[in-house]
Amino acid sequence: MQEKVARLSIVREKDMMYYVKDGSVWKVRRKQPGVPKGKPEKEADGGFEMDNNYIYFLDKAGDVARAKRAVGGQKRKKAAKKAKKPAKKKAKKVAKKAKKPAKKKRR
């Protein structure tokens, strides 16, 4: 689950990517073919300390939110060991080659 950290109400612009770094919200132009690389701009100062146990992002309302970092990924369910039955093989159809008419000898 996420929790709000700072209420900033940032209005997103098209073709811009937003990210949180050092307690501030930054924006940069998205990478597109034929367009030069954009320079990051500071959008707003959040005024909060960042914790490495959380990931910080801009939510739909334009506020900074954080969620618990999934360290090590999710646990996988153990697959039940079942005796596999041999799969039946389908008979392959043998394609017959069409006979070509014999070539005439040249003199």
N, C-alpha and C. Protein backbone atom coordinates (compact mmCIF):
# COMPACT_ATOMS: atom_id res chain seq x y z
N MET A 1 0.84 -1.19 0.00
CA MET A 1 0.00 0.00 0.00
C MET A 1 0.88 1.24 0.00
N GLN A 2 0.30 2.30 -0.51
CA GLN A 2 1.04 3.56 -0.56
C GLN A 2 0.54 4.52 0.50
N GLU A 3 1.42 5.42 0.86
CA GLU A 3 1.02 6.47 1.80
C GLU A 3 1.54 7.80 1.25
N LYS A 4 0.76 8.85 1.40
CA LYS A 4 1.15 10.17 0.91
C LYS A 4 2.20 10.76 1.84
N VAL A 5 3.20 11.36 1.25
CA VAL A 5 4.29 11.96 2.01
C VAL A 5 4.17 13.49 1.97
N ALA A 6 3.89 14.04 0.78
CA ALA A 6 3.78 15.49 0.62
C ALA A 6 2.67 15.79 -0.38
N ARG A 7 1.81 16.74 -0.03
CA ARG A 7 0.72 17.15 -0.93
C ARG A 7 1.21 18.36 -1.74
N LEU A 8 1.46 18.11 -3.02
CA LEU A 8 2.00 19.16 -3.89
C LEU A 8 1.03 19.54 -5.01
N SER A 9 0.13 18.64 -5.38
CA SER A 9 -0.86 18.86 -6.45
C SER A 9 -0.20 19.36 -7.75
N ILE A 10 0.80 18.63 -8.20
CA ILE A 10 1.51 18.97 -9.43
C ILE A 10 0.67 18.54 -10.62
N VAL A 11 0.50 19.45 -11.59
CA VAL A 11 -0.23 19.14 -12.81
C VAL A 11 0.79 18.60 -13.82
N ARG A 12 0.54 17.39 -14.29
CA ARG A 12 1.48 16.76 -15.21
C ARG A 12 1.36 17.35 -16.62
N GLU A 13 2.48 17.44 -17.29
CA GLU A 13 2.52 17.89 -18.68
C GLU A 13 2.74 16.67 -19.58
N LYS A 14 2.23 16.76 -20.79
CA LYS A 14 2.41 15.68 -21.75
C LYS A 14 3.88 15.61 -22.15
N ASP A 15 4.37 14.42 -22.42
CA ASP A 15 5.75 14.15 -22.86
C ASP A 15 6.79 14.52 -21.80
N MET A 16 6.40 14.53 -20.53
CA MET A 16 7.36 14.79 -19.46
C MET A 16 7.35 13.61 -18.50
N MET A 17 8.51 13.28 -17.95
CA MET A 17 8.63 12.22 -16.97
C MET A 17 8.98 12.86 -15.63
N TYR A 18 8.28 12.44 -14.59
CA TYR A 18 8.48 13.01 -13.25
C TYR A 18 9.12 11.97 -12.34
N TYR A 19 10.04 12.41 -11.49
CA TYR A 19 10.66 11.50 -10.54
C TYR A 19 11.02 12.27 -9.27
N VAL A 20 11.23 11.52 -8.19
CA VAL A 20 11.56 12.12 -6.90
C VAL A 20 13.03 11.83 -6.59
N LYS A 21 13.76 12.89 -6.24
CA LYS A 21 15.18 12.73 -5.93
C LYS A 21 15.53 13.71 -4.82
N ASP A 22 16.11 13.21 -3.75
CA ASP A 22 16.54 14.02 -2.60
C ASP A 22 15.41 14.88 -2.02
N GLY A 23 14.19 14.35 -2.01
CA GLY A 23 13.07 15.07 -1.41
C GLY A 23 12.45 16.13 -2.30
N SER A 24 12.84 16.17 -3.56
CA SER A 24 12.29 17.14 -4.52
C SER A 24 11.73 16.40 -5.72
N VAL A 25 10.80 17.04 -6.41
CA VAL A 25 10.21 16.45 -7.62
C VAL A 25 10.87 17.10 -8.82
N TRP A 26 11.36 16.28 -9.72
CA TRP A 26 12.04 16.73 -10.93
C TRP A 26 11.27 16.28 -12.14
N LYS A 27 11.41 17.02 -13.24
CA LYS A 27 10.79 16.60 -14.50
C LYS A 27 11.83 16.71 -15.60
N VAL A 28 11.68 15.84 -16.59
CA VAL A 28 12.58 15.83 -17.74
C VAL A 28 11.77 15.39 -18.95
N ARG A 29 12.13 15.91 -20.12
CA ARG A 29 11.43 15.54 -21.35
C ARG A 29 11.69 14.07 -21.65
N ARG A 30 10.63 13.36 -22.04
CA ARG A 30 10.77 11.94 -22.39
C ARG A 30 11.64 11.80 -23.63
N LYS A 31 12.38 10.71 -23.67
CA LYS A 31 13.28 10.44 -24.79
C LYS A 31 12.45 10.05 -26.00
N GLN A 32 12.67 10.75 -27.11
CA GLN A 32 11.95 10.46 -28.35
C GLN A 32 12.92 10.51 -29.51
N PRO A 33 12.64 9.73 -30.56
CA PRO A 33 13.56 9.75 -31.70
C PRO A 33 13.55 11.11 -32.40
N GLY A 34 14.72 11.60 -32.73
CA GLY A 34 14.85 12.86 -33.46
C GLY A 34 14.77 14.10 -32.58
N VAL A 35 14.57 13.92 -31.28
CA VAL A 35 14.47 15.06 -30.37
C VAL A 35 15.69 15.04 -29.46
N PRO A 36 16.35 16.18 -29.27
CA PRO A 36 17.54 16.18 -28.40
C PRO A 36 17.18 15.86 -26.95
N LYS A 37 18.16 15.33 -26.23
CA LYS A 37 17.97 14.94 -24.84
C LYS A 37 17.63 16.17 -24.00
N GLY A 38 16.61 16.03 -23.14
CA GLY A 38 16.18 17.16 -22.31
C GLY A 38 17.02 17.30 -21.05
N LYS A 39 16.96 18.47 -20.46
CA LYS A 39 17.69 18.74 -19.23
C LYS A 39 16.69 18.73 -18.07
N PRO A 40 16.99 18.02 -16.96
CA PRO A 40 16.04 17.97 -15.84
C PRO A 40 15.81 19.34 -15.21
N GLU A 41 14.54 19.57 -14.82
CA GLU A 41 14.17 20.81 -14.14
C GLU A 41 13.54 20.45 -12.80
N LYS A 42 13.81 21.26 -11.80
CA LYS A 42 13.21 21.04 -10.48
C LYS A 42 11.78 21.59 -10.51
N GLU A 43 10.82 20.71 -10.31
CA GLU A 43 9.41 21.11 -10.37
C GLU A 43 8.94 21.67 -9.02
N ALA A 44 9.24 20.97 -7.93
CA ALA A 44 8.80 21.42 -6.60
C ALA A 44 9.71 20.82 -5.54
N ASP A 45 9.81 21.51 -4.42
CA ASP A 45 10.58 21.01 -3.29
C ASP A 45 9.61 20.37 -2.31
N GLY A 46 9.77 19.06 -2.07
CA GLY A 46 8.85 18.34 -1.20
C GLY A 46 9.10 18.60 0.27
N GLY A 47 10.34 18.82 0.63
CA GLY A 47 10.69 19.12 2.02
C GLY A 47 10.53 17.93 2.94
N PHE A 48 10.97 16.75 2.50
CA PHE A 48 10.89 15.56 3.35
C PHE A 48 12.17 14.75 3.18
N GLU A 49 12.45 13.90 4.16
CA GLU A 49 13.62 13.01 4.12
C GLU A 49 13.22 11.71 3.44
N MET A 50 14.10 11.19 2.60
CA MET A 50 13.82 9.93 1.92
C MET A 50 14.45 8.78 2.69
N ASP A 51 13.73 7.65 2.73
CA ASP A 51 14.17 6.44 3.42
C ASP A 51 14.44 5.38 2.36
N ASN A 52 15.55 4.66 2.46
CA ASN A 52 15.90 3.65 1.46
C ASN A 52 15.00 2.41 1.50
N ASN A 53 14.19 2.27 2.52
CA ASN A 53 13.28 1.12 2.59
C ASN A 53 12.00 1.35 1.81
N TYR A 54 11.84 2.52 1.20
CA TYR A 54 10.64 2.87 0.45
C TYR A 54 11.01 3.35 -0.94
N ILE A 55 10.07 3.22 -1.90
CA ILE A 55 10.23 3.85 -3.20
C ILE A 55 9.28 5.04 -3.24
N TYR A 56 9.74 6.14 -3.80
CA TYR A 56 8.97 7.38 -3.84
C TYR A 56 8.56 7.66 -5.28
N PHE A 57 7.32 8.14 -5.47
CA PHE A 57 6.80 8.40 -6.81
C PHE A 57 5.73 9.47 -6.74
N LEU A 58 5.35 9.98 -7.91
CA LEU A 58 4.30 10.97 -8.03
C LEU A 58 3.01 10.24 -8.36
N ASP A 59 1.98 10.35 -7.52
CA ASP A 59 0.74 9.60 -7.76
C ASP A 59 -0.18 10.38 -8.71
N LYS A 60 -1.37 9.83 -8.95
CA LYS A 60 -2.29 10.43 -9.92
C LYS A 60 -2.74 11.83 -9.53
N ALA A 61 -2.82 12.11 -8.24
CA ALA A 61 -3.25 13.42 -7.78
C ALA A 61 -2.13 14.45 -7.84
N GLY A 62 -0.92 14.03 -8.21
CA GLY A 62 0.21 14.95 -8.28
C GLY A 62 0.91 15.14 -6.96
N ASP A 63 0.65 14.23 -6.01
CA ASP A 63 1.29 14.28 -4.70
C ASP A 63 2.39 13.23 -4.62
N VAL A 64 3.35 13.44 -3.73
CA VAL A 64 4.43 12.47 -3.55
C VAL A 64 3.92 11.38 -2.61
N ALA A 65 4.07 10.13 -3.04
CA ALA A 65 3.66 8.99 -2.23
C ALA A 65 4.83 8.03 -2.13
N ARG A 66 4.73 7.10 -1.18
CA ARG A 66 5.79 6.10 -1.04
C ARG A 66 5.16 4.74 -0.76
N ALA A 67 5.89 3.70 -1.16
CA ALA A 67 5.44 2.32 -0.93
C ALA A 67 6.64 1.53 -0.45
N LYS A 68 6.38 0.49 0.33
CA LYS A 68 7.43 -0.35 0.88
C LYS A 68 8.18 -1.02 -0.26
N ARG A 69 9.48 -0.98 -0.21
CA ARG A 69 10.33 -1.59 -1.25
C ARG A 69 10.29 -3.11 -1.09
N ALA A 70 10.08 -3.83 -2.18
CA ALA A 70 10.05 -5.29 -2.16
C ALA A 70 11.47 -5.79 -2.33
N VAL A 71 12.18 -5.97 -1.23
CA VAL A 71 13.57 -6.42 -1.28
C VAL A 71 13.58 -7.93 -1.51
N GLY A 72 14.27 -8.35 -2.53
CA GLY A 72 14.37 -9.77 -2.82
C GLY A 72 13.23 -10.30 -3.64
N GLY A 73 12.29 -9.48 -4.01
CA GLY A 73 11.17 -9.92 -4.85
C GLY A 73 10.12 -10.66 -4.05
N GLN A 74 9.11 -11.14 -4.76
CA GLN A 74 8.02 -11.87 -4.12
C GLN A 74 8.40 -13.32 -3.94
N LYS A 75 7.83 -13.94 -2.92
CA LYS A 75 8.04 -15.36 -2.71
C LYS A 75 7.23 -16.13 -3.74
N ARG A 76 7.81 -17.17 -4.26
CA ARG A 76 7.15 -18.00 -5.26
C ARG A 76 6.48 -19.18 -4.59
N LYS A 77 5.36 -19.61 -5.14
CA LYS A 77 4.71 -20.80 -4.63
C LYS A 77 5.51 -22.01 -5.08
N LYS A 78 5.62 -22.99 -4.19
CA LYS A 78 6.37 -24.18 -4.55
C LYS A 78 5.49 -25.03 -5.46
N ALA A 79 6.06 -25.47 -6.57
CA ALA A 79 5.31 -26.27 -7.52
C ALA A 79 5.16 -27.68 -6.97
N ALA A 80 3.95 -28.18 -7.02
CA ALA A 80 3.69 -29.54 -6.54
C ALA A 80 4.30 -30.52 -7.54
N LYS A 81 5.01 -31.49 -7.00
CA LYS A 81 5.65 -32.46 -7.88
C LYS A 81 4.61 -33.50 -8.30
N LYS A 82 4.36 -33.57 -9.58
CA LYS A 82 3.40 -34.52 -10.12
C LYS A 82 4.12 -35.39 -11.14
N ALA A 83 3.66 -36.63 -11.22
CA ALA A 83 4.23 -37.52 -12.22
C ALA A 83 3.67 -37.11 -13.57
N LYS A 84 4.56 -36.73 -14.45
CA LYS A 84 4.10 -36.29 -15.76
C LYS A 84 3.85 -37.50 -16.65
N LYS A 85 2.73 -37.48 -17.32
CA LYS A 85 2.42 -38.54 -18.27
C LYS A 85 3.10 -38.18 -19.58
N PRO A 86 3.61 -39.21 -20.27
CA PRO A 86 4.26 -38.90 -21.54
C PRO A 86 3.23 -38.36 -22.53
N ALA A 87 3.59 -37.31 -23.19
CA ALA A 87 2.68 -36.68 -24.15
C ALA A 87 2.59 -37.54 -25.40
N LYS A 88 1.38 -37.63 -25.93
CA LYS A 88 1.19 -38.38 -27.17
C LYS A 88 1.70 -37.55 -28.32
N LYS A 89 2.44 -38.22 -29.18
CA LYS A 89 2.98 -37.52 -30.33
C LYS A 89 2.00 -37.65 -31.48
N LYS A 90 1.79 -36.58 -32.17
CA LYS A 90 0.90 -36.60 -33.32
C LYS A 90 1.69 -37.10 -34.52
N ALA A 91 1.02 -37.90 -35.32
CA ALA A 91 1.66 -38.43 -36.52
C ALA A 91 1.86 -37.28 -37.51
N LYS A 92 3.07 -37.20 -38.01
CA LYS A 92 3.35 -36.15 -38.98
C LYS A 92 2.94 -36.62 -40.37
N LYS A 93 2.34 -35.73 -41.09
CA LYS A 93 1.98 -36.06 -42.46
C LYS A 93 3.22 -35.91 -43.32
N VAL A 94 3.49 -36.91 -44.11
CA VAL A 94 4.63 -36.87 -45.00
C VAL A 94 4.19 -36.23 -46.29
N ALA A 95 4.82 -35.13 -46.61
CA ALA A 95 4.47 -34.42 -47.84
C ALA A 95 5.12 -35.12 -49.01
N LYS A 96 4.29 -35.47 -49.98
CA LYS A 96 4.82 -36.10 -51.19
C LYS A 96 5.29 -35.02 -52.14
N LYS A 97 6.44 -35.26 -52.70
CA LYS A 97 6.96 -34.29 -53.65
C LYS A 97 6.27 -34.52 -54.99
N ALA A 98 5.88 -33.45 -55.59
CA ALA A 98 5.23 -33.54 -56.90
C ALA A 98 6.31 -33.90 -57.93
N LYS A 99 5.95 -34.85 -58.77
CA LYS A 99 6.92 -35.26 -59.79
C LYS A 99 6.98 -34.20 -60.87
N LYS A 100 8.19 -33.82 -61.20
CA LYS A 100 8.38 -32.83 -62.24
C LYS A 100 8.53 -33.56 -63.58
N PRO A 101 8.00 -32.99 -64.64
CA PRO A 101 8.18 -33.64 -65.94
C PRO A 101 9.66 -33.68 -66.32
N ALA A 102 10.04 -34.76 -66.95
CA ALA A 102 11.44 -34.93 -67.34
C ALA A 102 11.84 -33.87 -68.33
N LYS A 103 13.04 -33.36 -68.18
CA LYS A 103 13.52 -32.33 -69.08
C LYS A 103 13.96 -32.97 -70.40
N LYS A 104 13.71 -32.26 -71.43
CA LYS A 104 14.11 -32.75 -72.78
C LYS A 104 15.59 -32.47 -72.96
N LYS A 105 16.22 -33.41 -73.59
CA LYS A 105 17.65 -33.27 -73.86
C LYS A 105 17.84 -32.31 -75.03
N ARG A 106 18.81 -31.48 -74.92
CA ARG A 106 19.14 -30.55 -76.02
C ARG A 106 20.20 -31.19 -76.89
N ARG A 107 20.12 -30.89 -78.16
CA ARG A 107 21.10 -31.43 -79.10
C ARG A 107 22.05 -30.42 -79.56
